[in-house]
Amino acid sequence: MSEFEIVREYPQPRPRVWRALTDPALVPRWTSTGRGGRPEGFAPEVGTRFRFVGRPVPGWDGIVRCEILAADAPEFLSFSWRNQETDPPSTVTYHLAETAAGTRLTYRHTGFRGAGGFFMARLLHRVRRRMLTEGLPEVLAGSDW
């Protein structure tokens, strides 16, 4: 099984980082750096099924099917991730910790299976690293929300 973890620190307080990660109006603003999607039907409540809708590419319809597995605002969020309805789910977690300088975000994506999962983990790691290094800081620094 493959997985990856990205840790980033932001100077903003934890509630602001949580909102940027979970507000459906803000999510597309930071995920767009990786051609990411907008959440449809998202609410950080256990059992909520939602979709990330992005631009389709050959071999992918542009939809990620998800379900909230755990939520403890503004500290922890976990959700399943399926590219196709029939795929076994992988799991995404956000853990936000207060630091003296702001907030530390630990992003983990676990549960990729087989050779296809290995390659998907590598691809998503690169894309997520860009989103969390370029996209999210721009949104967090903005004053229009």
Foldseek 3Di string as FASTA:
>chain_A
DDKDKDKDDDQAALQLLQCCCQPQVNVCQLLVQLQWFGKDQGDQDAFGWIWGAGPDDVPAPRIWTKGWHDDDPPAKTKMWTDRDPPDDTWMWMWGWDQDPRHIMIMIMIDDQDDPVSVVVNVSVVVSVVCSVVPRSNVSSPDDPD
